[in-house]
Amino acid sequence: PAALCTLGALLGLGCGCFGYRCFRAVMFLSGLLFGSAVIFLLCHRERVLGAPLSLEASAGIALGIGLLCGLLTALLRSVGLFTTGLLLGLLVAAAALAALAPAEPPGSPWVGAGVALGLALLGALSALRWPRALTVLGTGVGGAAALVVCADYFAEGAALVGFALARLRGAPGGPLCWPGWALLGAWPALSVTAVLLQWKVTAGG
């Protein structure tokens, strides 16, 4: 896990700084992450062919379908932009729900699901309307999120990630310590820095 987190941090750094310049690679990563995550959750939680799948089998199926989704998003520009916007909306929804932690969690998990779905669709449609701006924004925010998640793993063992997922499900979740709040607060600053770096320097041409 530590090696994977280090690799994820490097990918996040590259995505945040050179996301628009490496457009096809970012589209591939968006499809890979989105497809793999959805299929893994479906395979790991549901019974396939009458029997539950092991963790390794679920990961293998998810990776294979994720690669196909990545190729699709890399080859079809509109699909890649739509997926990038979806991921941006989901990240913003997770951050917003986590930041509202001092308030009481919503009584129903449908509240978090509705917020996530609404922001995801808004991001996806906005990416189709303003591709350059939303690609820069999405890669900057996504790269910063990858850095924060990896730092959270090394600092607190992914406590911030678990807290955000609990908020998305409408569960109260455990208390978040000050390193988690510091990382959550650092995410917008890193996102703004990455977006400005791309917009002014690396996204030109």
C-alpha atoms as a PDB file:
ATOM      1  CA  PRO A   1       0.000   0.000   0.000  1.00  0.00           C
ATOM      2  CA  ALA A   2       2.806   2.452   0.735  1.00  0.00           C
ATOM      3  CA  ALA A   3       4.308   1.897  -2.711  1.00  0.00           C
ATOM      4  CA  LEU A   4       0.904   2.347  -4.339  1.00  0.00           C
ATOM      5  CA  CYS A   5       0.361   5.559  -2.398  1.00  0.00           C
ATOM      6  CA  THR A   6       3.739   6.860  -3.505  1.00  0.00           C
ATOM      7  CA  LEU A   7       2.882   6.033  -7.113  1.00  0.00           C
ATOM      8  CA  GLY A   8      -0.513   7.683  -6.676  1.00  0.00           C
ATOM      9  CA  ALA A   9       1.121  10.809  -5.292  1.00  0.00           C
ATOM     10  CA  LEU A  10       3.460  11.001  -8.288  1.00  0.00           C
ATOM     11  CA  LEU A  11       0.557  10.516 -10.695  1.00  0.00           C
ATOM     12  CA  GLY A  12      -1.438  13.144  -8.832  1.00  0.00           C
ATOM     13  CA  LEU A  13       1.460  15.575  -9.036  1.00  0.00           C
ATOM     14  CA  GLY A  14       1.826  14.998 -12.759  1.00  0.00           C
ATOM     15  CA  CYS A  15      -1.910  15.225 -13.337  1.00  0.00           C
ATOM     16  CA  GLY A  16      -2.204  18.430 -11.341  1.00  0.00           C
ATOM     17  CA  CYS A  17       0.717  20.137 -13.061  1.00  0.00           C
ATOM     18  CA  PHE A  18       0.435  18.806 -16.634  1.00  0.00           C
ATOM     19  CA  GLY A  19      -3.137  17.517 -16.874  1.00  0.00           C
ATOM     20  CA  TYR A  20      -4.240  19.515 -19.900  1.00  0.00           C
ATOM     21  CA  ARG A  21      -0.920  19.040 -21.669  1.00  0.00           C
ATOM     22  CA  CYS A  22      -1.278  15.239 -21.285  1.00  0.00           C
ATOM     23  CA  PHE A  23      -4.922  15.276 -22.356  1.00  0.00           C
ATOM     24  CA  ARG A  24      -5.179  11.716 -23.692  1.00  0.00           C
ATOM     25  CA  ALA A  25      -3.398  10.228 -20.701  1.00  0.00           C
ATOM     26  CA  VAL A  26      -5.724  12.073 -18.325  1.00  0.00           C
ATOM     27  CA  MET A  27      -8.779  10.866 -20.246  1.00  0.00           C
ATOM     28  CA  PHE A  28      -7.468   7.308 -20.016  1.00  0.00           C
ATOM     29  CA  LEU A  29      -6.878   7.616 -16.270  1.00  0.00           C
ATOM     30  CA  SER A  30     -10.350   9.076 -15.750  1.00  0.00           C
ATOM     31  CA  GLY A  31     -11.992   6.150 -17.503  1.00  0.00           C
ATOM     32  CA  LEU A  32      -9.750   3.633 -15.767  1.00  0.00           C
ATOM     33  CA  LEU A  33     -10.481   4.998 -12.290  1.00  0.00           C
ATOM     34  CA  PHE A  34     -14.201   5.450 -12.837  1.00  0.00           C
ATOM     35  CA  GLY A  35     -14.774   2.093 -14.517  1.00  0.00           C
ATOM     36  CA  SER A  36     -12.612   0.142 -12.086  1.00  0.00           C
ATOM     37  CA  ALA A  37     -14.209   1.702  -9.009  1.00  0.00           C
ATOM     38  CA  VAL A  38     -17.782   1.093 -10.159  1.00  0.00           C
ATOM     39  CA  ILE A  39     -17.188  -2.488 -11.290  1.00  0.00           C
ATOM     40  CA  PHE A  40     -15.171  -3.354  -8.180  1.00  0.00           C
ATOM     41  CA  LEU A  41     -17.953  -2.159  -5.887  1.00  0.00           C
ATOM     42  CA  LEU A  42     -20.547  -4.094  -7.870  1.00  0.00           C
ATOM     43  CA  CYS A  43     -18.516  -7.310  -8.001  1.00  0.00           C
ATOM     44  CA  HIS A  44     -17.372  -7.146  -4.394  1.00  0.00           C
ATOM     45  CA  ARG A  45     -20.823  -6.512  -2.936  1.00  0.00           C
ATOM     46  CA  GLU A  46     -23.027  -8.598  -5.227  1.00  0.00           C
ATOM     47  CA  ARG A  47     -23.145 -12.301  -5.949  1.00  0.00           C
ATOM     48  CA  VAL A  48     -21.960 -13.243  -9.433  1.00  0.00           C
ATOM     49  CA  LEU A  49     -23.063 -16.579 -10.907  1.00  0.00           C
ATOM     50  CA  GLY A  50     -24.637 -17.524  -7.588  1.00  0.00           C
ATOM     51  CA  ALA A  51     -21.501 -17.119  -5.464  1.00  0.00           C
ATOM     52  CA  PRO A  52     -19.659 -14.150  -3.961  1.00  0.00           C
ATOM     53  CA  LEU A  53     -16.382 -13.254  -5.634  1.00  0.00           C
ATOM     54  CA  SER A  54     -13.119 -13.037  -3.752  1.00  0.00           C
ATOM     55  CA  LEU A  55     -11.317  -9.735  -3.372  1.00  0.00           C
ATOM     56  CA  GLU A  56      -8.686 -10.749  -5.927  1.00  0.00           C
ATOM     57  CA  ALA A  57     -11.270 -11.838  -8.510  1.00  0.00           C
ATOM     58  CA  SER A  58     -13.231  -8.624  -8.042  1.00  0.00           C
ATOM     59  CA  ALA A  59     -10.066  -6.563  -8.459  1.00  0.00           C
ATOM     60  CA  GLY A  60      -9.096  -8.477 -11.610  1.00  0.00           C
ATOM     61  CA  ILE A  61     -12.496  -8.024 -13.235  1.00  0.00           C
ATOM     62  CA  ALA A  62     -12.572  -4.361 -12.239  1.00  0.00           C
ATOM     63  CA  LEU A  63      -9.104  -3.755 -13.672  1.00  0.00           C
ATOM     64  CA  GLY A  64      -9.972  -5.428 -16.976  1.00  0.00           C
ATOM     65  CA  ILE A  65     -13.182  -3.471 -17.454  1.00  0.00           C
ATOM     66  CA  GLY A  66     -11.453  -0.325 -16.201  1.00  0.00           C
ATOM     67  CA  LEU A  67      -8.838  -0.685 -18.942  1.00  0.00           C
ATOM     68  CA  LEU A  68     -11.597  -0.948 -21.539  1.00  0.00           C
ATOM     69  CA  CYS A  69     -13.277   2.146 -20.104  1.00  0.00           C
ATOM     70  CA  GLY A  70      -9.934   3.943 -20.160  1.00  0.00           C
ATOM     71  CA  LEU A  71      -9.418   3.134 -23.830  1.00  0.00           C
ATOM     72  CA  LEU A  72     -12.953   4.298 -24.586  1.00  0.00           C
ATOM     73  CA  THR A  73     -12.488   7.626 -22.821  1.00  0.00           C
ATOM     74  CA  ALA A  74      -9.088   8.147 -24.441  1.00  0.00           C
ATOM     75  CA  LEU A  75     -10.376   7.488 -27.958  1.00  0.00           C
ATOM     76  CA  LEU A  76     -13.720   9.289 -27.665  1.00  0.00           C
ATOM     77  CA  ARG A  77     -13.118  12.869 -26.558  1.00  0.00           C
ATOM     78  CA  SER A  78     -16.679  13.595 -25.456  1.00  0.00           C
ATOM     79  CA  VAL A  79     -16.836  10.461 -23.307  1.00  0.00           C
ATOM     80  CA  GLY A  80     -13.524  11.358 -21.691  1.00  0.00           C
ATOM     81  CA  LEU A  81     -14.675  14.885 -20.927  1.00  0.00           C
ATOM     82  CA  PHE A  82     -17.950  13.593 -19.497  1.00  0.00           C
ATOM     83  CA  THR A  83     -16.100  11.162 -17.220  1.00  0.00           C
ATOM     84  CA  THR A  84     -13.630  13.825 -16.089  1.00  0.00           C
ATOM     85  CA  GLY A  85     -16.520  16.116 -15.191  1.00  0.00           C
ATOM     86  CA  LEU A  86     -18.238  13.306 -13.303  1.00  0.00           C
ATOM     87  CA  LEU A  87     -15.138  12.664 -11.212  1.00  0.00           C
ATOM     88  CA  LEU A  88     -14.757  16.378 -10.511  1.00  0.00           C
ATOM     89  CA  GLY A  89     -18.345  16.609  -9.291  1.00  0.00           C
ATOM     90  CA  LEU A  90     -17.966  13.543  -7.076  1.00  0.00           C
ATOM     91  CA  LEU A  91     -14.785  14.929  -5.520  1.00  0.00           C
ATOM     92  CA  VAL A  92     -16.438  18.269  -4.798  1.00  0.00           C
ATOM     93  CA  ALA A  93     -19.465  16.500  -3.294  1.00  0.00           C
ATOM     94  CA  ALA A  94     -17.274  14.361  -1.035  1.00  0.00           C
ATOM     95  CA  ALA A  95     -15.331  17.415   0.123  1.00  0.00           C
ATOM     96  CA  ALA A  96     -18.495  19.412   0.771  1.00  0.00           C
ATOM     97  CA  LEU A  97     -20.103  16.646   2.825  1.00  0.00           C
ATOM     98  CA  ALA A  98     -16.902  16.085   4.790  1.00  0.00           C
ATOM     99  CA  ALA A  99     -16.559  19.805   5.505  1.00  0.00           C
ATOM    100  CA  LEU A 100     -20.085  19.858   6.962  1.00  0.00           C
ATOM    101  CA  ALA A 101     -19.028  17.367   9.632  1.00  0.00           C
ATOM    102  CA  PRO A 102     -19.748  19.592  12.660  1.00  0.00           C
ATOM    103  CA  ALA A 103     -23.422  19.575  11.701  1.00  0.00           C
ATOM    104  CA  GLU A 104     -25.602  16.539  12.198  1.00  0.00           C
ATOM    105  CA  PRO A 105     -25.279  13.999   9.370  1.00  0.00           C
ATOM    106  CA  PRO A 106     -28.294  13.693   7.067  1.00  0.00           C
ATOM    107  CA  GLY A 107     -30.898  11.243   8.252  1.00  0.00           C
ATOM    108  CA  SER A 108     -31.005   9.385   4.950  1.00  0.00           C
ATOM    109  CA  PRO A 109     -28.150   8.203   2.720  1.00  0.00           C
ATOM    110  CA  TRP A 110     -30.190   9.432  -0.235  1.00  0.00           C
ATOM    111  CA  VAL A 111     -29.280  13.005   0.714  1.00  0.00           C
ATOM    112  CA  GLY A 112     -25.581  12.371   0.180  1.00  0.00           C
ATOM    113  CA  ALA A 113     -26.297  10.339  -2.941  1.00  0.00           C
ATOM    114  CA  GLY A 114     -28.457  13.126  -4.346  1.00  0.00           C
ATOM    115  CA  VAL A 115     -25.813  15.771  -3.689  1.00  0.00           C
ATOM    116  CA  ALA A 116     -23.109  13.605  -5.261  1.00  0.00           C
ATOM    117  CA  LEU A 117     -25.234  12.775  -8.306  1.00  0.00           C
ATOM    118  CA  GLY A 118     -26.284  16.381  -8.847  1.00  0.00           C
ATOM    119  CA  LEU A 119     -22.758  17.764  -8.651  1.00  0.00           C
ATOM    120  CA  ALA A 120     -21.406  14.920 -10.796  1.00  0.00           C
ATOM    121  CA  LEU A 121     -23.914  15.617 -13.573  1.00  0.00           C
ATOM    122  CA  LEU A 122     -23.267  19.348 -13.312  1.00  0.00           C
ATOM    123  CA  GLY A 123     -19.538  18.763 -13.674  1.00  0.00           C
ATOM    124  CA  ALA A 124     -20.004  16.354 -16.584  1.00  0.00           C
ATOM    125  CA  LEU A 125     -22.257  18.693 -18.563  1.00  0.00           C
ATOM    126  CA  SER A 126     -20.013  21.662 -17.807  1.00  0.00           C
ATOM    127  CA  ALA A 127     -17.009  19.725 -19.109  1.00  0.00           C
ATOM    128  CA  LEU A 128     -18.802  19.171 -22.410  1.00  0.00           C
ATOM    129  CA  ARG A 129     -19.667  22.866 -22.635  1.00  0.00           C
ATOM    130  CA  TRP A 130     -16.276  24.293 -21.572  1.00  0.00           C
ATOM    131  CA  PRO A 131     -13.757  21.503 -22.253  1.00  0.00           C
ATOM    132  CA  ARG A 132     -10.494  23.395 -21.738  1.00  0.00           C
ATOM    133  CA  ALA A 133     -11.497  25.174 -18.545  1.00  0.00           C
ATOM    134  CA  LEU A 134     -13.098  22.120 -16.957  1.00  0.00           C
ATOM    135  CA  THR A 135     -10.216  19.854 -17.955  1.00  0.00           C
ATOM    136  CA  VAL A 136      -7.754  22.205 -16.277  1.00  0.00           C
ATOM    137  CA  LEU A 137     -10.027  22.494 -13.242  1.00  0.00           C
ATOM    138  CA  GLY A 138     -10.735  18.768 -13.055  1.00  0.00           C
ATOM    139  CA  THR A 139      -7.106  17.708 -13.370  1.00  0.00           C
ATOM    140  CA  GLY A 140      -5.977  20.336 -10.879  1.00  0.00           C
ATOM    141  CA  VAL A 141      -8.566  19.319  -8.300  1.00  0.00           C
ATOM    142  CA  GLY A 142      -8.063  15.610  -8.973  1.00  0.00           C
ATOM    143  CA  GLY A 143      -4.291  15.820  -8.731  1.00  0.00           C
ATOM    144  CA  ALA A 144      -4.539  17.745  -5.471  1.00  0.00           C
ATOM    145  CA  ALA A 145      -7.017  15.172  -4.156  1.00  0.00           C
ATOM    146  CA  ALA A 146      -4.597  12.350  -4.974  1.00  0.00           C
ATOM    147  CA  LEU A 147      -1.821  14.110  -3.062  1.00  0.00           C
ATOM    148  CA  VAL A 148      -4.108  14.695  -0.066  1.00  0.00           C
ATOM    149  CA  VAL A 149      -5.327  11.083  -0.033  1.00  0.00           C
ATOM    150  CA  CYS A 150      -1.773   9.733  -0.156  1.00  0.00           C
ATOM    151  CA  ALA A 151      -0.649  12.129   2.577  1.00  0.00           C
ATOM    152  CA  ASP A 152      -3.671  11.062   4.634  1.00  0.00           C
ATOM    153  CA  TYR A 153      -2.651   7.420   4.291  1.00  0.00           C
ATOM    154  CA  PHE A 154       0.854   8.117   5.577  1.00  0.00           C
ATOM    155  CA  ALA A 155      -0.348  10.468   8.333  1.00  0.00           C
ATOM    156  CA  GLU A 156      -3.477   8.768   9.667  1.00  0.00           C
ATOM    157  CA  GLY A 157      -3.983   5.524   7.775  1.00  0.00           C
ATOM    158  CA  ALA A 158      -6.661   6.897   5.415  1.00  0.00           C
ATOM    159  CA  ALA A 159      -8.826   8.262   8.236  1.00  0.00           C
ATOM    160  CA  LEU A 160      -9.933  11.227   6.121  1.00  0.00           C
ATOM    161  CA  VAL A 161     -11.005   8.953   3.263  1.00  0.00           C
ATOM    162  CA  GLY A 162     -13.051   6.783   5.604  1.00  0.00           C
ATOM    163  CA  PHE A 163     -14.620   9.861   7.142  1.00  0.00           C
ATOM    164  CA  ALA A 164     -15.624  11.250   3.734  1.00  0.00           C
ATOM    165  CA  LEU A 165     -17.094   7.901   2.641  1.00  0.00           C
ATOM    166  CA  ALA A 166     -19.100   7.693   5.856  1.00  0.00           C
ATOM    167  CA  ARG A 167     -20.500  11.156   5.216  1.00  0.00           C
ATOM    168  CA  LEU A 168     -21.477  10.162   1.675  1.00  0.00           C
ATOM    169  CA  ARG A 169     -23.403   7.201   3.091  1.00  0.00           C
ATOM    170  CA  GLY A 170     -25.128   9.440   5.615  1.00  0.00           C
ATOM    171  CA  ALA A 171     -23.380   7.804   8.582  1.00  0.00           C
ATOM    172  CA  PRO A 172     -21.921   9.928  11.397  1.00  0.00           C
ATOM    173  CA  GLY A 173     -18.391   8.529  11.138  1.00  0.00           C
ATOM    174  CA  GLY A 174     -15.711   8.809  13.793  1.00  0.00           C
ATOM    175  CA  PRO A 175     -14.149  12.089  14.914  1.00  0.00           C
ATOM    176  CA  LEU A 176     -11.547  13.565  12.610  1.00  0.00           C
ATOM    177  CA  CYS A 177      -8.265  14.636  14.198  1.00  0.00           C
ATOM    178  CA  TRP A 178      -6.447  17.848  13.388  1.00  0.00           C
ATOM    179  CA  PRO A 179      -4.152  16.315  10.711  1.00  0.00           C
ATOM    180  CA  GLY A 180      -7.262  15.292   8.789  1.00  0.00           C
ATOM    181  CA  TRP A 181      -8.727  18.778   9.016  1.00  0.00           C
ATOM    182  CA  ALA A 182      -5.370  20.253   7.984  1.00  0.00           C
ATOM    183  CA  LEU A 183      -5.231  18.014   4.918  1.00  0.00           C
ATOM    184  CA  LEU A 184      -8.837  18.806   4.052  1.00  0.00           C
ATOM    185  CA  GLY A 185      -8.027  22.497   4.287  1.00  0.00           C
ATOM    186  CA  ALA A 186      -4.881  22.068   2.200  1.00  0.00           C
ATOM    187  CA  TRP A 187      -6.824  20.514  -0.672  1.00  0.00           C
ATOM    188  CA  PRO A 188      -8.390  23.785  -1.943  1.00  0.00           C
ATOM    189  CA  ALA A 189      -5.036  25.561  -1.698  1.00  0.00           C
ATOM    190  CA  LEU A 190      -3.291  22.817  -3.663  1.00  0.00           C
ATOM    191  CA  SER A 191      -6.132  22.777  -6.199  1.00  0.00           C
ATOM    192  CA  VAL A 192      -5.903  26.527  -6.804  1.00  0.00           C
ATOM    193  CA  THR A 193      -2.122  26.295  -7.149  1.00  0.00           C
ATOM    194  CA  ALA A 194      -2.373  23.449  -9.677  1.00  0.00           C
ATOM    195  CA  VAL A 195      -5.095  25.174 -11.704  1.00  0.00           C
ATOM    196  CA  LEU A 196      -3.155  28.453 -11.850  1.00  0.00           C
ATOM    197  CA  LEU A 197       0.038  26.617 -12.810  1.00  0.00           C
ATOM    198  CA  GLN A 198      -1.706  24.875 -15.678  1.00  0.00           C
ATOM    199  CA  TRP A 199      -3.651  27.905 -16.841  1.00  0.00           C
ATOM    200  CA  LYS A 200      -0.651  30.229 -16.854  1.00  0.00           C
ATOM    201  CA  VAL A 201       2.209  27.883 -17.772  1.00  0.00           C
ATOM    202  CA  THR A 202       1.669  24.280 -18.825  1.00  0.00           C
ATOM    203  CA  ALA A 203      -1.728  24.364 -20.564  1.00  0.00           C
ATOM    204  CA  GLY A 204      -0.693  26.842 -23.234  1.00  0.00           C
ATOM    205  CA  GLY A 205      -0.061  25.886 -26.811  1.00  0.00           C
END
